């Protein structure tokens, strides 16, 4: 159980770093298509990070209704970010070609 928590923590930190990296890249890029690609990758990483945070909140801490509601909201936000990121990545990838 402890190894799973450490693994999730490392994945959350990695996705956080990737989100920050893609955010900086998208803000500094001059080309519109590349800016959109970096922004879409940032959304995907952020969505996955939110889903992993929700998993830790729901499954690894004491049961309370507030944690369940908070975890559910994070899952919904994460799924929306992943969906929007994948959709935008396809759009800007076609635009770049």
N, C-alpha and C. Protein backbone atom coordinates (compact mmCIF):
# COMPACT_ATOMS: atom_id res chain seq x y z
N UNK A 1 0.82 -1.19 0.00
CA UNK A 1 0.00 0.00 0.00
C UNK A 1 0.87 1.27 0.00
N UNK A 2 1.95 1.23 0.78
CA UNK A 2 2.83 2.38 0.86
C UNK A 2 3.54 2.63 -0.47
N UNK A 3 3.90 1.55 -1.18
CA UNK A 3 4.57 1.69 -2.47
C UNK A 3 3.65 2.32 -3.50
N UNK A 4 2.37 2.01 -3.43
CA UNK A 4 1.40 2.61 -4.36
C UNK A 4 1.29 4.11 -4.10
N UNK A 5 1.26 4.49 -2.82
CA UNK A 5 1.18 5.91 -2.48
C UNK A 5 2.41 6.67 -2.97
N UNK A 6 3.59 6.08 -2.80
CA UNK A 6 4.81 6.72 -3.26
C UNK A 6 4.81 6.85 -4.79
N UNK A 7 4.36 5.80 -5.47
CA UNK A 7 4.29 5.82 -6.93
C UNK A 7 3.33 6.90 -7.41
N UNK A 8 2.15 6.99 -6.78
CA UNK A 8 1.20 8.03 -7.16
C UNK A 8 1.76 9.42 -6.91
N UNK A 9 2.46 9.60 -5.79
CA UNK A 9 3.07 10.89 -5.49
C UNK A 9 4.10 11.28 -6.55
N UNK A 10 4.93 10.32 -6.94
CA UNK A 10 5.93 10.59 -7.97
C UNK A 10 5.27 10.93 -9.31
N UNK A 11 4.21 10.19 -9.66
CA UNK A 11 3.49 10.48 -10.92
C UNK A 11 2.84 11.86 -10.88
N UNK A 12 2.27 12.22 -9.74
CA UNK A 12 1.65 13.54 -9.60
C UNK A 12 2.71 14.63 -9.77
N UNK A 13 3.86 14.46 -9.15
CA UNK A 13 4.94 15.45 -9.28
C UNK A 13 5.45 15.52 -10.72
N UNK A 14 5.57 14.38 -11.39
CA UNK A 14 6.01 14.37 -12.78
C UNK A 14 5.01 15.09 -13.68
N UNK A 15 3.72 14.81 -13.49
CA UNK A 15 2.70 15.47 -14.31
C UNK A 15 2.62 16.96 -14.00
N UNK A 16 2.86 17.33 -12.75
CA UNK A 16 2.91 18.75 -12.40
C UNK A 16 4.05 19.45 -13.13
N UNK A 17 5.22 18.81 -13.14
CA UNK A 17 6.38 19.38 -13.84
C UNK A 17 6.11 19.50 -15.34
N UNK A 18 5.49 18.47 -15.92
CA UNK A 18 5.17 18.53 -17.35
C UNK A 18 4.14 19.62 -17.65
N UNK A 19 3.17 19.79 -16.77
CA UNK A 19 2.17 20.85 -16.97
C UNK A 19 2.82 22.23 -16.96
N UNK A 20 3.72 22.44 -16.01
CA UNK A 20 4.43 23.73 -15.94
C UNK A 20 5.31 23.93 -17.18
N UNK A 21 6.01 22.87 -17.59
CA UNK A 21 6.88 22.94 -18.77
C UNK A 21 6.08 23.31 -20.02
N UNK A 22 4.97 22.61 -20.26
CA UNK A 22 4.16 22.89 -21.45
C UNK A 22 3.49 24.26 -21.35
N UNK A 23 3.18 24.71 -20.14
CA UNK A 23 2.61 26.04 -19.98
C UNK A 23 3.61 27.11 -20.39
N UNK A 24 4.86 26.98 -19.93
CA UNK A 24 5.89 27.94 -20.33
C UNK A 24 6.14 27.88 -21.83
N UNK A 25 6.19 26.68 -22.38
CA UNK A 25 6.44 26.55 -23.82
C UNK A 25 5.30 27.18 -24.63
N UNK A 26 4.05 26.98 -24.19
CA UNK A 26 2.94 27.54 -24.96
C UNK A 26 2.89 29.05 -24.88
N UNK A 27 3.31 29.61 -23.76
CA UNK A 27 3.28 31.07 -23.62
C UNK A 27 4.41 31.76 -24.40
N UNK A 28 5.50 31.06 -24.61
CA UNK A 28 6.65 31.66 -25.29
C UNK A 28 6.68 31.39 -26.79
N UNK A 29 5.82 30.49 -27.26
CA UNK A 29 5.83 30.11 -28.68
C UNK A 29 5.14 31.18 -29.51
N UNK A 30 5.73 31.49 -30.66
CA UNK A 30 5.17 32.49 -31.57
C UNK A 30 4.17 31.87 -32.55
N UNK A 31 4.44 30.64 -32.98
CA UNK A 31 3.57 29.97 -33.95
C UNK A 31 2.27 29.54 -33.26
N UNK A 32 1.15 29.86 -33.87
CA UNK A 32 -0.15 29.59 -33.27
C UNK A 32 -0.41 28.10 -33.13
N UNK A 33 -0.03 27.32 -34.14
CA UNK A 33 -0.28 25.88 -34.10
C UNK A 33 0.54 25.21 -33.00
N UNK A 34 1.81 25.59 -32.89
CA UNK A 34 2.64 25.01 -31.83
C UNK A 34 2.17 25.45 -30.45
N UNK A 35 1.73 26.69 -30.35
CA UNK A 35 1.20 27.18 -29.07
C UNK A 35 -0.02 26.36 -28.66
N UNK A 36 -0.87 26.07 -29.61
CA UNK A 36 -2.04 25.25 -29.32
C UNK A 36 -1.68 23.83 -28.94
N UNK A 37 -0.66 23.25 -29.61
CA UNK A 37 -0.21 21.90 -29.27
C UNK A 37 0.33 21.84 -27.85
N UNK A 38 1.16 22.82 -27.47
CA UNK A 38 1.70 22.83 -26.12
C UNK A 38 0.60 23.05 -25.08
N UNK A 39 -0.35 23.88 -25.41
CA UNK A 39 -1.47 24.11 -24.49
C UNK A 39 -2.32 22.84 -24.34
N UNK A 40 -2.52 22.12 -25.43
CA UNK A 40 -3.28 20.88 -25.36
C UNK A 40 -2.54 19.83 -24.53
N UNK A 41 -1.22 19.75 -24.70
CA UNK A 41 -0.45 18.81 -23.89
C UNK A 41 -0.48 19.19 -22.42
N UNK A 42 -0.48 20.48 -22.14
CA UNK A 42 -0.61 20.94 -20.76
C UNK A 42 -1.95 20.51 -20.18
N UNK A 43 -3.02 20.64 -20.96
CA UNK A 43 -4.34 20.22 -20.49
C UNK A 43 -4.39 18.72 -20.22
N UNK A 44 -3.78 17.93 -21.07
CA UNK A 44 -3.77 16.49 -20.87
C UNK A 44 -3.02 16.13 -19.59
N UNK A 45 -1.85 16.72 -19.41
CA UNK A 45 -1.07 16.44 -18.19
C UNK A 45 -1.81 16.91 -16.94
N UNK A 46 -2.42 18.07 -17.02
CA UNK A 46 -3.15 18.58 -15.87
C UNK A 46 -4.37 17.72 -15.54
N UNK A 47 -5.05 17.24 -16.58
CA UNK A 47 -6.19 16.37 -16.35
C UNK A 47 -5.79 15.06 -15.69
N UNK A 48 -4.70 14.46 -16.17
CA UNK A 48 -4.21 13.23 -15.56
C UNK A 48 -3.77 13.46 -14.12
N UNK A 49 -3.15 14.61 -13.87
CA UNK A 49 -2.73 14.94 -12.51
C UNK A 49 -3.94 15.08 -11.59
N UNK A 50 -4.98 15.74 -12.06
CA UNK A 50 -6.20 15.90 -11.24
C UNK A 50 -6.84 14.55 -10.95
N UNK A 51 -6.84 13.66 -11.93
CA UNK A 51 -7.41 12.33 -11.71
C UNK A 51 -6.61 11.57 -10.67
N UNK A 52 -5.29 11.65 -10.73
CA UNK A 52 -4.47 10.96 -9.74
C UNK A 52 -4.63 11.56 -8.34
N UNK A 53 -4.77 12.87 -8.25
CA UNK A 53 -5.03 13.49 -6.94
C UNK A 53 -6.36 13.02 -6.40
N UNK A 54 -7.35 12.91 -7.27
CA UNK A 54 -8.67 12.42 -6.84
C UNK A 54 -8.59 10.99 -6.34
N UNK A 55 -7.81 10.16 -7.02
CA UNK A 55 -7.66 8.76 -6.59
C UNK A 55 -7.05 8.71 -5.19
N UNK A 56 -6.05 9.54 -4.94
CA UNK A 56 -5.45 9.54 -3.61
C UNK A 56 -6.43 10.03 -2.56
N UNK A 57 -7.24 11.01 -2.90
CA UNK A 57 -8.22 11.53 -1.94
C UNK A 57 -9.32 10.51 -1.64
N UNK A 58 -9.75 9.80 -2.65
CA UNK A 58 -10.87 8.88 -2.47
C UNK A 58 -10.44 7.60 -1.78
N UNK A 59 -9.29 7.06 -2.15
CA UNK A 59 -8.94 5.71 -1.70
C UNK A 59 -7.94 5.62 -0.56
N UNK A 60 -7.11 6.63 -0.35
CA UNK A 60 -6.02 6.47 0.61
C UNK A 60 -6.18 7.24 1.92
N UNK A 61 -7.25 7.97 2.09
CA UNK A 61 -7.46 8.70 3.33
C UNK A 61 -8.74 8.22 3.99
N UNK A 62 -8.97 8.68 5.20
CA UNK A 62 -10.16 8.24 5.93
C UNK A 62 -11.41 8.66 5.18
N UNK A 63 -12.43 7.85 5.34
CA UNK A 63 -13.68 8.11 4.62
C UNK A 63 -14.42 9.29 5.23
N UNK A 64 -14.76 10.22 4.39
CA UNK A 64 -15.64 11.32 4.78
C UNK A 64 -16.37 11.76 3.52
N UNK A 65 -17.53 12.32 3.73
CA UNK A 65 -18.32 12.73 2.56
C UNK A 65 -17.64 13.90 1.84
N UNK A 66 -16.95 14.75 2.58
CA UNK A 66 -16.27 15.87 1.92
C UNK A 66 -15.17 15.37 0.99
N UNK A 67 -14.40 14.38 1.44
CA UNK A 67 -13.34 13.83 0.58
C UNK A 67 -13.92 13.16 -0.66
N UNK A 68 -15.02 12.46 -0.50
CA UNK A 68 -15.66 11.82 -1.67
C UNK A 68 -16.15 12.87 -2.67
N UNK A 69 -16.78 13.92 -2.17
CA UNK A 69 -17.28 14.97 -3.06
C UNK A 69 -16.11 15.68 -3.74
N UNK A 70 -15.07 16.01 -2.97
CA UNK A 70 -13.89 16.67 -3.52
C UNK A 70 -13.22 15.79 -4.57
N UNK A 71 -13.08 14.50 -4.29
CA UNK A 71 -12.49 13.57 -5.24
C UNK A 71 -13.32 13.45 -6.51
N UNK A 72 -14.63 13.42 -6.36
CA UNK A 72 -15.51 13.32 -7.52
C UNK A 72 -15.40 14.57 -8.40
N UNK A 73 -15.33 15.73 -7.77
CA UNK A 73 -15.19 16.97 -8.53
C UNK A 73 -13.85 16.98 -9.28
N UNK A 74 -12.79 16.52 -8.61
CA UNK A 74 -11.49 16.47 -9.28
C UNK A 74 -11.48 15.48 -10.44
N UNK A 75 -12.15 14.35 -10.28
CA UNK A 75 -12.23 13.39 -11.39
C UNK A 75 -12.96 14.01 -12.57
N UNK A 76 -14.06 14.69 -12.31
CA UNK A 76 -14.81 15.31 -13.41
C UNK A 76 -13.98 16.40 -14.11
N UNK A 77 -13.29 17.23 -13.32
CA UNK A 77 -12.42 18.25 -13.93
C UNK A 77 -11.29 17.61 -14.72
N UNK A 78 -10.71 16.55 -14.18
CA UNK A 78 -9.62 15.87 -14.86
C UNK A 78 -10.04 15.24 -16.16
N UNK A 79 -11.19 14.57 -16.15
CA UNK A 79 -11.69 13.93 -17.37
C UNK A 79 -11.99 14.99 -18.42
N UNK A 80 -12.58 16.11 -17.99
CA UNK A 80 -12.87 17.18 -18.94
C UNK A 80 -11.58 17.73 -19.54
N UNK A 81 -10.55 17.95 -18.70
CA UNK A 81 -9.27 18.47 -19.21
C UNK A 81 -8.63 17.50 -20.18
N UNK A 82 -8.64 16.21 -19.86
CA UNK A 82 -8.05 15.22 -20.77
C UNK A 82 -8.81 15.21 -22.10
N UNK A 83 -10.14 15.21 -22.03
CA UNK A 83 -10.95 15.22 -23.25
C UNK A 83 -10.67 16.47 -24.09
N UNK A 84 -10.68 17.64 -23.45
CA UNK A 84 -10.44 18.89 -24.18
C UNK A 84 -9.02 18.92 -24.75
N UNK A 85 -8.06 18.41 -23.99
CA UNK A 85 -6.68 18.40 -24.47
C UNK A 85 -6.51 17.50 -25.67
N UNK A 86 -7.12 16.31 -25.64
CA UNK A 86 -7.02 15.39 -26.79
C UNK A 86 -7.70 15.99 -28.02
N UNK A 87 -8.86 16.60 -27.81
CA UNK A 87 -9.58 17.22 -28.93
C UNK A 87 -8.77 18.37 -29.53
N UNK A 88 -8.24 19.23 -28.67
CA UNK A 88 -7.45 20.37 -29.15
C UNK A 88 -6.14 19.93 -29.78
N UNK A 89 -5.54 18.88 -29.24
CA UNK A 89 -4.29 18.38 -29.81
C UNK A 89 -4.52 17.90 -31.24
N UNK A 90 -5.62 17.20 -31.48
CA UNK A 90 -5.95 16.77 -32.84
C UNK A 90 -6.18 17.94 -33.77
N UNK A 91 -6.88 18.95 -33.26
CA UNK A 91 -7.18 20.13 -34.08
C UNK A 91 -5.89 20.87 -34.46
N UNK A 92 -5.04 21.14 -33.49
CA UNK A 92 -3.82 21.90 -33.78
C UNK A 92 -2.78 21.06 -34.52
N UNK A 93 -2.83 19.74 -34.36
CA UNK A 93 -1.93 18.89 -35.13
C UNK A 93 -2.31 18.93 -36.60
N UNK A 94 -3.60 18.89 -36.90
CA UNK A 94 -4.05 19.03 -38.30
C UNK A 94 -3.73 20.42 -38.84
N UNK A 95 -3.83 21.43 -37.99
CA UNK A 95 -3.55 22.80 -38.41
C UNK A 95 -2.07 22.97 -38.74
N UNK A 96 -1.21 22.29 -37.98
CA UNK A 96 0.22 22.42 -38.21
C UNK A 96 0.66 21.75 -39.51
N UNK A 97 -0.01 20.68 -39.89
CA UNK A 97 0.33 19.99 -41.15
C UNK A 97 -0.16 20.81 -42.28
